N, C-alpha and C. Protein backbone atom coordinates (compact mmCIF):
# COMPACT_ATOMS: atom_id res chain seq x y z
N PRO A 1 98.53 77.97 116.89
CA PRO A 1 99.79 77.06 116.63
C PRO A 1 100.94 78.00 116.73
N LEU A 2 102.20 77.41 117.33
CA LEU A 2 103.23 78.24 117.56
C LEU A 2 103.78 78.61 116.03
N VAL A 3 103.40 77.59 114.94
CA VAL A 3 104.01 77.84 113.45
C VAL A 3 103.19 79.24 113.09
N ALA A 4 101.97 79.26 113.62
CA ALA A 4 101.45 80.53 113.01
C ALA A 4 101.91 81.60 113.74
N LEU A 5 102.19 81.55 115.11
CA LEU A 5 102.65 82.82 115.65
C LEU A 5 103.91 83.27 114.95
N HIS A 6 104.95 82.01 114.56
CA HIS A 6 106.16 82.52 114.01
C HIS A 6 106.21 83.09 112.56
N ALA A 7 104.73 82.55 111.97
CA ALA A 7 104.74 83.09 110.52
C ALA A 7 104.45 84.60 110.84
N TYR A 8 103.46 84.80 111.83
CA TYR A 8 103.17 86.34 111.73
C TYR A 8 104.28 87.15 112.18
N TRP A 9 105.09 86.83 113.26
CA TRP A 9 106.05 87.38 113.30
C TRP A 9 107.05 87.70 112.01
N ARG A 10 107.43 86.48 111.57
CA ARG A 10 108.23 86.83 110.32
C ARG A 10 107.64 87.42 109.32
N GLY A 11 106.46 87.71 109.20
CA GLY A 11 105.50 88.67 108.35
C GLY A 11 105.92 89.78 108.57
N ALA A 12 105.77 90.15 109.80
CA ALA A 12 105.99 91.75 110.28
C ALA A 12 107.63 92.04 110.15
N GLN A 13 108.44 90.89 110.17
CA GLN A 13 110.31 91.33 109.81
C GLN A 13 110.22 91.47 108.49
N LEU A 14 109.45 90.93 107.55
CA LEU A 14 109.32 91.16 105.93
C LEU A 14 108.75 92.27 105.46
N ALA A 15 107.71 92.97 106.22
CA ALA A 15 107.13 93.87 105.87
C ALA A 15 107.65 95.26 105.35
N PRO A 16 107.28 95.84 104.57
CA PRO A 16 107.93 97.08 103.87
C PRO A 16 107.51 98.42 104.73
N CYS A 17 107.11 98.30 105.86
CA CYS A 17 106.64 99.15 106.65
C CYS A 17 107.01 99.02 108.19
N THR A 18 106.54 99.66 109.10
CA THR A 18 106.53 99.32 110.52
C THR A 18 105.14 98.67 110.46
N LEU A 19 105.24 97.44 111.05
CA LEU A 19 104.10 96.74 111.02
C LEU A 19 104.11 95.70 112.27
N PRO A 20 103.22 95.87 113.26
CA PRO A 20 103.04 94.74 114.80
C PRO A 20 102.88 93.49 114.16
N TRP A 21 103.27 92.62 114.76
CA TRP A 21 102.95 91.28 114.23
C TRP A 21 101.45 90.96 114.64
N TRP A 22 101.07 91.20 115.85
CA TRP A 22 99.72 90.90 116.20
C TRP A 22 98.69 91.53 115.51
N LEU A 23 99.07 92.43 114.47
CA LEU A 23 97.86 92.71 113.45
C LEU A 23 97.53 91.67 112.32
N LEU A 24 98.77 91.11 112.03
CA LEU A 24 98.73 89.83 111.29
C LEU A 24 98.04 88.67 111.77
N ALA A 25 98.49 88.72 113.16
CA ALA A 25 97.80 87.62 113.85
C ALA A 25 96.11 87.66 113.86
N GLY A 26 95.73 88.95 114.07
CA GLY A 26 94.34 89.29 114.40
C GLY A 26 93.69 88.96 112.86
N GLY A 27 94.22 89.34 111.85
CA GLY A 27 94.01 88.90 110.13
C GLY A 27 93.80 87.55 110.32
N GLY A 28 94.78 86.71 110.51
CA GLY A 28 94.85 84.94 110.54
C GLY A 28 93.74 84.45 111.50
N ARG A 29 93.60 84.96 112.47
CA ARG A 29 92.60 84.54 113.44
C ARG A 29 91.41 84.48 113.00
N THR A 30 91.04 85.80 112.58
CA THR A 30 89.79 86.31 112.03
C THR A 30 89.20 85.54 110.65
N GLY A 31 90.26 85.53 109.94
CA GLY A 31 90.33 84.47 108.60
C GLY A 31 89.89 83.05 108.72
N THR A 32 90.67 82.28 109.39
CA THR A 32 90.77 81.10 109.30
C THR A 32 91.14 80.15 110.79
N ARG A 33 91.25 80.98 111.71
CA ARG A 33 91.35 80.29 113.12
C ARG A 33 92.80 79.63 112.98
N PRO A 34 93.73 80.48 112.88
CA PRO A 34 95.20 80.40 112.20
C PRO A 34 95.24 78.96 111.62
N GLY A 35 94.62 79.17 110.16
CA GLY A 35 94.84 77.80 109.10
C GLY A 35 94.21 76.75 109.63
N SER A 36 93.24 76.67 110.45
CA SER A 36 92.49 75.54 110.96
C SER A 36 91.19 75.62 110.38
N SER A 37 90.76 76.19 109.58
CA SER A 37 89.29 76.06 109.16
C SER A 37 88.93 74.78 108.20
N PHE A 38 87.57 74.36 108.66
CA PHE A 38 87.31 73.32 107.97
C PHE A 38 88.01 72.19 108.56
N GLY A 39 88.76 72.04 109.59
CA GLY A 39 89.42 71.13 109.90
C GLY A 39 91.04 70.82 109.50
N SER A 40 91.28 71.83 108.82
CA SER A 40 92.61 71.93 108.44
C SER A 40 93.77 71.96 109.45
N GLU A 41 94.82 71.53 109.44
CA GLU A 41 96.14 71.95 110.28
C GLU A 41 97.15 72.34 109.88
N LEU A 42 97.85 73.23 110.10
CA LEU A 42 99.02 73.64 109.84
C LEU A 42 100.32 72.29 110.27
N SER A 43 101.48 72.16 109.11
CA SER A 43 102.27 71.55 109.35
C SER A 43 103.51 72.52 110.11
N ALA A 44 104.79 71.94 110.39
CA ALA A 44 105.72 72.50 110.82
C ALA A 44 105.92 73.61 110.01
N ALA A 45 106.12 73.32 108.61
CA ALA A 45 106.79 74.18 107.78
C ALA A 45 105.49 75.00 107.57
N GLY A 46 104.55 75.14 107.87
CA GLY A 46 103.53 76.53 107.56
C GLY A 46 102.12 75.72 106.54
N ASP A 47 102.54 74.51 105.91
CA ASP A 47 101.13 74.15 105.00
C ASP A 47 100.22 73.71 105.54
N THR A 48 99.13 74.18 105.08
CA THR A 48 97.73 73.70 105.46
C THR A 48 97.87 72.34 104.99
N SER A 49 96.93 71.35 105.91
CA SER A 49 96.71 70.07 105.74
C SER A 49 95.96 69.51 104.18
N PHE A 50 95.06 70.74 104.04
CA PHE A 50 94.56 70.70 102.73
C PHE A 50 94.07 72.17 102.40
N PRO A 51 94.09 72.52 101.16
CA PRO A 51 93.76 74.09 100.91
C PRO A 51 92.41 74.26 101.35
N ILE A 52 92.41 75.57 102.15
CA ILE A 52 91.52 76.22 102.58
C ILE A 52 90.91 77.03 101.57
N ILE A 53 89.53 77.05 101.36
CA ILE A 53 88.91 77.61 100.02
C ILE A 53 87.50 77.80 100.82
N GLY A 54 87.20 79.38 100.55
CA GLY A 54 85.98 79.94 101.11
C GLY A 54 84.96 79.79 99.96
N ILE A 55 83.51 80.41 99.98
CA ILE A 55 82.55 80.09 99.55
C ILE A 55 82.71 80.96 98.03
N PRO A 56 81.77 80.75 97.01
CA PRO A 56 82.18 81.30 95.87
C PRO A 56 81.72 82.67 96.03
N LEU A 57 82.43 83.76 95.48
CA LEU A 57 81.96 85.04 95.50
C LEU A 57 81.36 85.28 94.24
N ASP A 58 80.20 84.95 94.20
CA ASP A 58 79.27 85.16 93.19
C ASP A 58 78.23 86.24 93.30
N GLY A 59 78.40 87.06 94.17
CA GLY A 59 77.27 88.05 94.31
C GLY A 59 76.02 88.04 95.31
N ARG A 60 75.93 86.58 95.77
CA ARG A 60 74.96 86.46 96.68
C ARG A 60 74.97 87.47 97.71
N PRO A 61 73.84 87.59 98.64
CA PRO A 61 73.64 88.78 99.83
C PRO A 61 75.09 88.67 100.59
N GLY A 62 75.61 89.85 100.98
CA GLY A 62 76.45 89.92 101.80
C GLY A 62 77.88 89.34 101.08
N THR A 63 78.05 88.98 99.71
CA THR A 63 79.16 88.45 99.01
C THR A 63 79.38 89.49 97.83
N ALA A 64 80.58 89.98 97.50
CA ALA A 64 80.72 90.46 96.09
C ALA A 64 80.73 89.42 95.05
N ALA A 65 80.25 89.90 93.71
CA ALA A 65 80.77 89.23 92.56
C ALA A 65 81.86 89.46 91.94
N ILE A 66 82.99 88.28 92.43
CA ILE A 66 84.19 88.48 91.47
C ILE A 66 84.37 87.18 90.80
N ALA A 67 84.41 87.33 89.27
CA ALA A 67 84.52 86.21 88.32
C ALA A 67 85.81 85.71 88.32
N ASP A 68 86.09 84.70 88.02
CA ASP A 68 87.34 84.03 88.20
C ASP A 68 88.51 84.90 87.85
N THR A 69 89.67 84.58 88.25
CA THR A 69 91.18 85.42 88.18
C THR A 69 91.97 84.45 87.81
N ASP A 70 91.86 82.88 88.39
CA ASP A 70 93.11 81.93 88.31
C ASP A 70 92.78 80.95 87.62
N GLY A 71 91.62 80.78 86.72
CA GLY A 71 91.17 79.47 86.06
C GLY A 71 91.04 78.29 86.97
N GLY A 72 90.84 78.53 88.21
CA GLY A 72 90.66 77.60 89.30
C GLY A 72 91.87 76.92 90.06
N LEU A 73 92.77 77.75 89.57
CA LEU A 73 94.37 77.03 90.10
C LEU A 73 94.23 77.37 91.62
N PHE A 74 94.21 78.24 92.51
CA PHE A 74 94.31 78.28 93.74
C PHE A 74 92.76 77.97 94.18
N ASP A 75 91.99 78.20 93.85
CA ASP A 75 90.41 78.21 94.57
C ASP A 75 89.55 76.92 94.18
N GLU A 76 90.34 75.82 92.87
CA GLU A 76 89.65 75.09 92.24
C GLU A 76 88.34 75.29 91.75
N ASP A 77 87.69 76.65 91.35
CA ASP A 77 86.65 77.10 90.63
C ASP A 77 87.01 77.87 89.59
N PRO A 78 86.47 77.38 88.43
CA PRO A 78 86.82 78.20 87.17
C PRO A 78 85.88 79.12 86.97
N VAL A 79 84.65 79.71 87.71
CA VAL A 79 83.47 80.43 87.27
C VAL A 79 83.72 81.72 88.33
N TRP A 80 83.76 81.59 89.66
CA TRP A 80 84.06 82.29 90.61
C TRP A 80 85.13 82.28 91.50
N ASP A 81 85.80 83.60 91.87
CA ASP A 81 87.10 83.47 92.70
C ASP A 81 86.36 83.11 94.16
N ARG A 82 87.12 82.48 95.00
CA ARG A 82 87.07 82.03 96.39
C ARG A 82 88.17 82.56 96.95
N ALA A 83 88.11 82.86 98.32
CA ALA A 83 89.10 83.15 99.17
C ALA A 83 90.04 82.07 99.63
N VAL A 84 91.38 82.04 99.41
CA VAL A 84 92.16 80.84 99.86
C VAL A 84 93.11 81.15 100.71
N GLY A 85 93.67 80.00 101.23
CA GLY A 85 94.65 79.95 102.42
C GLY A 85 94.50 80.63 103.71
N PRO A 86 95.38 80.62 104.79
CA PRO A 86 95.22 80.71 106.07
C PRO A 86 95.17 82.51 106.21
N MET A 87 95.39 83.15 105.20
CA MET A 87 95.43 84.58 105.38
C MET A 87 93.95 85.14 104.27
N GLN A 88 93.41 84.12 103.67
CA GLN A 88 92.37 84.34 102.93
C GLN A 88 92.34 85.21 101.76
N PHE A 89 93.18 85.15 100.78
CA PHE A 89 93.51 85.99 99.75
C PHE A 89 92.54 85.43 98.69
N ILE A 90 91.98 86.57 97.87
CA ILE A 90 91.31 86.51 96.68
C ILE A 90 92.47 85.98 95.39
N PRO A 91 92.46 85.13 94.62
CA PRO A 91 93.39 84.73 93.80
C PRO A 91 93.83 86.09 93.07
N GLY A 92 93.05 86.54 92.56
CA GLY A 92 93.60 87.75 91.67
C GLY A 92 94.30 88.95 92.71
N THR A 93 93.98 88.61 94.09
CA THR A 93 94.97 89.60 94.97
C THR A 93 96.31 88.83 95.15
N TRP A 94 96.20 87.66 95.17
CA TRP A 94 97.37 86.56 95.45
C TRP A 94 98.33 87.04 94.38
N ASN A 95 97.69 87.01 93.23
CA ASN A 95 98.66 87.12 91.99
C ASN A 95 99.26 88.36 92.20
N ARG A 96 98.83 89.53 92.79
CA ARG A 96 99.60 90.69 92.88
C ARG A 96 100.61 90.62 93.93
N TRP A 97 100.34 89.97 95.09
CA TRP A 97 100.98 90.24 96.45
C TRP A 97 101.65 88.62 96.74
N ALA A 98 101.57 87.91 95.96
CA ALA A 98 102.22 86.80 96.22
C ALA A 98 103.92 86.77 96.88
N THR A 99 104.06 86.11 97.98
CA THR A 99 105.34 86.39 98.40
C THR A 99 105.93 85.21 98.96
N ASP A 100 107.09 84.65 98.90
CA ASP A 100 107.66 83.91 99.44
C ASP A 100 108.33 84.07 100.75
N GLY A 101 107.34 83.84 102.04
CA GLY A 101 107.66 84.21 103.27
C GLY A 101 108.48 83.04 103.93
N ASN A 102 108.81 81.72 103.70
CA ASN A 102 109.34 80.76 104.12
C ASN A 102 110.72 80.67 103.32
N GLY A 103 111.12 81.36 102.01
CA GLY A 103 112.40 81.16 101.52
C GLY A 103 112.38 79.91 100.73
N ASP A 104 111.31 79.33 100.57
CA ASP A 104 111.71 77.71 99.83
C ASP A 104 111.43 77.88 98.12
N GLY A 105 111.47 79.12 97.46
CA GLY A 105 111.49 79.41 96.36
C GLY A 105 109.98 79.48 95.53
N THR A 106 109.06 79.31 96.44
CA THR A 106 107.38 79.31 96.21
C THR A 106 107.00 80.15 96.67
N ALA A 107 105.94 80.70 96.27
CA ALA A 107 104.83 81.52 96.74
C ALA A 107 103.54 80.89 96.86
N ASP A 108 103.02 80.68 98.25
CA ASP A 108 101.99 79.30 98.29
C ASP A 108 100.90 80.00 99.14
N PRO A 109 99.76 80.32 98.70
CA PRO A 109 98.67 80.88 99.25
C PRO A 109 98.09 80.18 100.60
N HIS A 110 98.55 78.77 100.44
CA HIS A 110 98.05 77.83 101.34
C HIS A 110 99.27 77.54 102.29
N ASN A 111 100.27 78.32 102.29
CA ASN A 111 101.25 78.37 103.32
C ASN A 111 101.54 79.49 104.22
N ILE A 112 101.31 79.37 105.62
CA ILE A 112 101.07 80.37 106.45
C ILE A 112 102.24 81.70 106.49
N TYR A 113 103.27 80.91 106.29
CA TYR A 113 104.61 81.95 106.42
C TYR A 113 104.33 82.85 105.12
N ASP A 114 104.18 82.14 103.51
CA ASP A 114 103.92 83.19 102.56
C ASP A 114 102.67 84.12 102.52
N ALA A 115 101.73 83.59 103.34
CA ALA A 115 100.38 84.23 103.27
C ALA A 115 100.65 85.35 104.24
N ALA A 116 101.37 85.08 105.31
CA ALA A 116 101.60 86.27 106.06
C ALA A 116 102.32 87.30 105.69
N ALA A 117 103.30 86.81 105.02
CA ALA A 117 104.23 87.84 104.00
C ALA A 117 103.61 88.68 103.21
N ALA A 118 102.71 87.92 102.59
CA ALA A 118 101.85 88.49 101.43
C ALA A 118 101.05 89.62 102.11
N ALA A 119 100.46 89.28 103.17
CA ALA A 119 99.31 90.13 103.82
C ALA A 119 100.27 91.45 104.31
N ALA A 120 101.02 91.02 104.88
CA ALA A 120 102.03 92.34 105.26
C ALA A 120 102.33 93.40 104.30
N ALA A 121 102.77 92.95 103.16
CA ALA A 121 103.22 93.54 102.04
C ALA A 121 101.73 94.16 101.49
N TYR A 122 100.81 93.64 101.40
CA TYR A 122 99.64 94.32 101.01
C TYR A 122 99.03 95.38 102.09
N LEU A 123 99.11 95.23 103.20
CA LEU A 123 98.82 95.84 104.27
C LEU A 123 99.53 97.19 104.30
N CYS A 124 100.95 97.17 103.90
CA CYS A 124 101.77 98.29 103.96
C CYS A 124 101.53 98.84 102.90
N PHE A 125 100.91 98.43 101.74
CA PHE A 125 100.95 99.29 100.32
C PHE A 125 100.67 100.97 100.64
N GLY A 126 101.75 101.56 100.24
CA GLY A 126 101.29 103.12 100.46
C GLY A 126 101.39 103.61 101.78
N ARG A 127 101.89 102.82 102.53
CA ARG A 127 101.94 103.18 104.10
C ARG A 127 103.51 103.03 104.59
N SER A 128 103.79 103.62 105.61
CA SER A 128 105.20 103.60 105.92
C SER A 128 105.11 103.14 107.69
N ASP A 129 103.94 103.29 108.19
CA ASP A 129 103.74 102.96 109.70
C ASP A 129 102.34 102.60 109.87
N LEU A 130 102.19 101.30 110.36
CA LEU A 130 100.97 100.71 110.76
C LEU A 130 100.96 100.47 112.25
N THR A 131 101.30 101.37 113.12
CA THR A 131 101.32 101.07 114.49
C THR A 131 100.35 102.32 115.15
N GLU A 132 99.61 102.97 114.74
CA GLU A 132 98.48 103.92 115.00
C GLU A 132 97.28 103.36 114.39
N ASP A 133 96.08 103.31 115.28
CA ASP A 133 94.55 102.64 115.21
C ASP A 133 94.28 102.92 113.79
N ALA A 134 94.30 104.42 113.49
CA ALA A 134 93.64 104.89 112.12
C ALA A 134 94.30 104.36 111.08
N ALA A 135 95.69 104.04 111.10
CA ALA A 135 96.30 103.54 109.63
C ALA A 135 96.14 102.26 109.65
N MET A 136 95.85 101.45 110.72
CA MET A 136 95.57 99.92 110.78
C MET A 136 94.26 100.04 110.23
N ARG A 137 93.27 100.82 110.73
CA ARG A 137 91.74 100.46 110.13
C ARG A 137 91.98 100.67 108.63
N ALA A 138 92.96 101.79 108.30
CA ALA A 138 92.60 102.10 106.92
C ALA A 138 93.24 101.07 105.96
N ALA A 139 94.21 100.57 106.44
CA ALA A 139 94.96 99.23 105.64
C ALA A 139 94.06 98.21 105.94
N LEU A 140 93.37 97.93 106.67
CA LEU A 140 92.04 96.79 107.00
C LEU A 140 91.12 96.88 106.04
N LEU A 141 90.64 98.08 105.56
CA LEU A 141 89.79 98.29 104.86
C LEU A 141 90.40 97.99 103.37
N SER A 142 91.50 98.45 103.08
CA SER A 142 91.94 97.77 101.69
C SER A 142 91.86 96.38 101.61
N TYR A 143 92.18 95.91 102.84
CA TYR A 143 92.29 94.19 102.41
C TYR A 143 91.07 93.51 102.54
N ASN A 144 90.02 94.14 103.15
CA ASN A 144 88.37 93.87 103.10
C ASN A 144 87.72 95.24 103.47
N ARG A 145 86.83 95.50 102.52
CA ARG A 145 86.22 96.76 102.68
C ARG A 145 84.90 96.46 103.36
N SER A 146 85.23 96.02 104.62
CA SER A 146 84.18 95.56 105.78
C SER A 146 84.55 96.42 107.22
N VAL A 147 83.79 97.39 107.33
CA VAL A 147 84.26 98.00 108.96
C VAL A 147 84.04 96.70 110.02
N PRO A 148 82.92 95.94 109.95
CA PRO A 148 83.00 94.94 111.16
C PRO A 148 84.02 94.07 110.97
N TYR A 149 84.57 93.72 110.20
CA TYR A 149 85.99 92.88 109.48
C TYR A 149 87.12 93.82 110.27
N GLY A 150 87.06 94.75 109.84
CA GLY A 150 88.50 95.65 110.72
C GLY A 150 88.13 95.48 112.04
N ASN A 151 87.03 95.62 112.65
CA ASN A 151 86.91 95.74 114.22
C ASN A 151 87.19 94.68 114.61
N GLU A 152 86.53 93.27 113.71
CA GLU A 152 86.90 91.82 114.29
C GLU A 152 88.49 91.69 114.62
N VAL A 153 89.17 92.01 113.18
CA VAL A 153 90.90 91.86 113.48
C VAL A 153 91.39 92.40 114.49
N LEU A 154 90.93 93.63 114.69
CA LEU A 154 91.69 94.62 115.74
C LEU A 154 91.27 93.78 117.21
N SER A 155 90.27 93.47 117.26
CA SER A 155 89.87 92.66 118.42
C SER A 155 90.73 91.68 118.92
N GLN A 156 90.68 90.72 117.71
CA GLN A 156 91.44 89.67 117.91
C GLN A 156 93.18 89.86 118.08
N ALA A 157 93.41 90.82 117.37
CA ALA A 157 94.83 91.25 117.31
C ALA A 157 95.20 91.74 118.63
N GLU A 158 94.35 92.40 119.27
CA GLU A 158 94.58 93.08 120.83
C GLU A 158 94.64 91.65 121.94
N ARG A 159 93.76 90.78 121.70
CA ARG A 159 93.61 89.59 122.50
C ARG A 159 95.24 88.89 122.59
N TYR A 160 95.78 88.94 121.11
CA TYR A 160 97.08 88.18 120.88
C TYR A 160 97.97 89.13 121.72
N ARG A 161 98.24 90.56 121.32
CA ARG A 161 98.97 91.35 121.93
C ARG A 161 98.93 91.20 123.46
N GLU A 162 97.72 91.16 124.04
CA GLU A 162 97.66 91.28 125.61
C GLU A 162 98.21 89.89 126.10
N ALA A 163 97.92 88.60 125.53
CA ALA A 163 98.17 87.37 125.89
C ALA A 163 99.57 86.95 125.74
N LEU A 164 100.18 87.55 125.02
CA LEU A 164 101.80 87.30 125.05
C LEU A 164 102.74 88.26 125.11
N ASP A 165 103.71 87.92 126.00
CA ASP A 165 104.67 88.97 126.21
C ASP A 165 106.02 88.84 125.10
N LEU A 166 105.67 89.72 124.27
CA LEU A 166 106.39 89.95 123.16
C LEU A 166 106.70 91.17 122.72
N PRO A 167 107.76 91.67 122.11
CA PRO A 167 107.41 93.02 121.38
C PRO A 167 106.56 93.34 120.41
N ASP A 168 106.11 94.43 120.40
CA ASP A 168 105.29 94.65 119.31
C ASP A 168 105.65 94.52 117.93
N LEU A 169 106.93 94.91 117.89
CA LEU A 169 107.52 95.22 116.44
C LEU A 169 108.91 94.02 116.70
N PRO A 170 108.89 93.21 115.57
CA PRO A 170 110.20 92.40 115.51
C PRO A 170 111.28 93.48 114.75
N GLU A 171 112.58 93.08 115.02
CA GLU A 171 113.59 93.82 114.51
C GLU A 171 113.38 93.26 112.78
N PRO A 172 113.26 94.31 111.82
CA PRO A 172 113.14 93.75 110.46
C PRO A 172 114.48 92.90 110.04
N SER A 173 114.20 92.24 109.29
CA SER A 173 115.29 91.02 108.60
C SER A 173 115.91 91.60 107.54
N VAL A 174 114.76 92.75 106.79
CA VAL A 174 115.49 93.26 105.36
C VAL A 174 115.28 94.89 105.63
N ALA A 175 116.13 95.78 105.11
CA ALA A 175 115.95 97.02 105.27
C ALA A 175 114.81 97.43 104.54
N ARG A 176 114.04 98.29 105.33
CA ARG A 176 112.66 98.75 104.63
C ARG A 176 112.78 100.11 103.66
N PRO A 177 112.19 99.94 102.69
CA PRO A 177 112.38 101.26 101.70
C PRO A 177 112.18 102.47 102.47
N ALA A 178 112.69 103.34 102.24
CA ALA A 178 112.75 104.91 102.89
C ALA A 178 111.33 105.33 102.81
N SER A 179 110.62 105.96 103.61
CA SER A 179 109.27 106.81 103.47
C SER A 179 109.52 107.98 102.66
């Protein structure tokens, strides 16, 4: 949806490093088919029509065991954490990177503007430039410690990049910190 594209563009604008919008788009596509998992839809304001909540991270095969970090606030599970929202944040990670990307005064992991801006901040942590493949891969491994995940994000990102005639980098809307 256009609102998702705008949120990725806005997230790249707010990023504290040089970050192409399509890297965020690849992450959103890989995680929730931009905000549409389980039949959810994005409103014009970027809110999911209902919370997108992943499986319990209870240590089953292929899944990390992550005990509850939010008392069930974001993921409705007081025992195990579950990835939430259109960018699939683990609640404890959301608590660290929560960002108000749409300027409404609230950081909400179920709003694609907020989630994309938070993902941009998280991916940029300790990095000044995410325009080279190696830097993108390293950032994606910090987001999700899975090489296949990173490969899928980059594949989806490239599809967005090729399909849309947009500059790779939006003009930043705020001054980026010096490297």
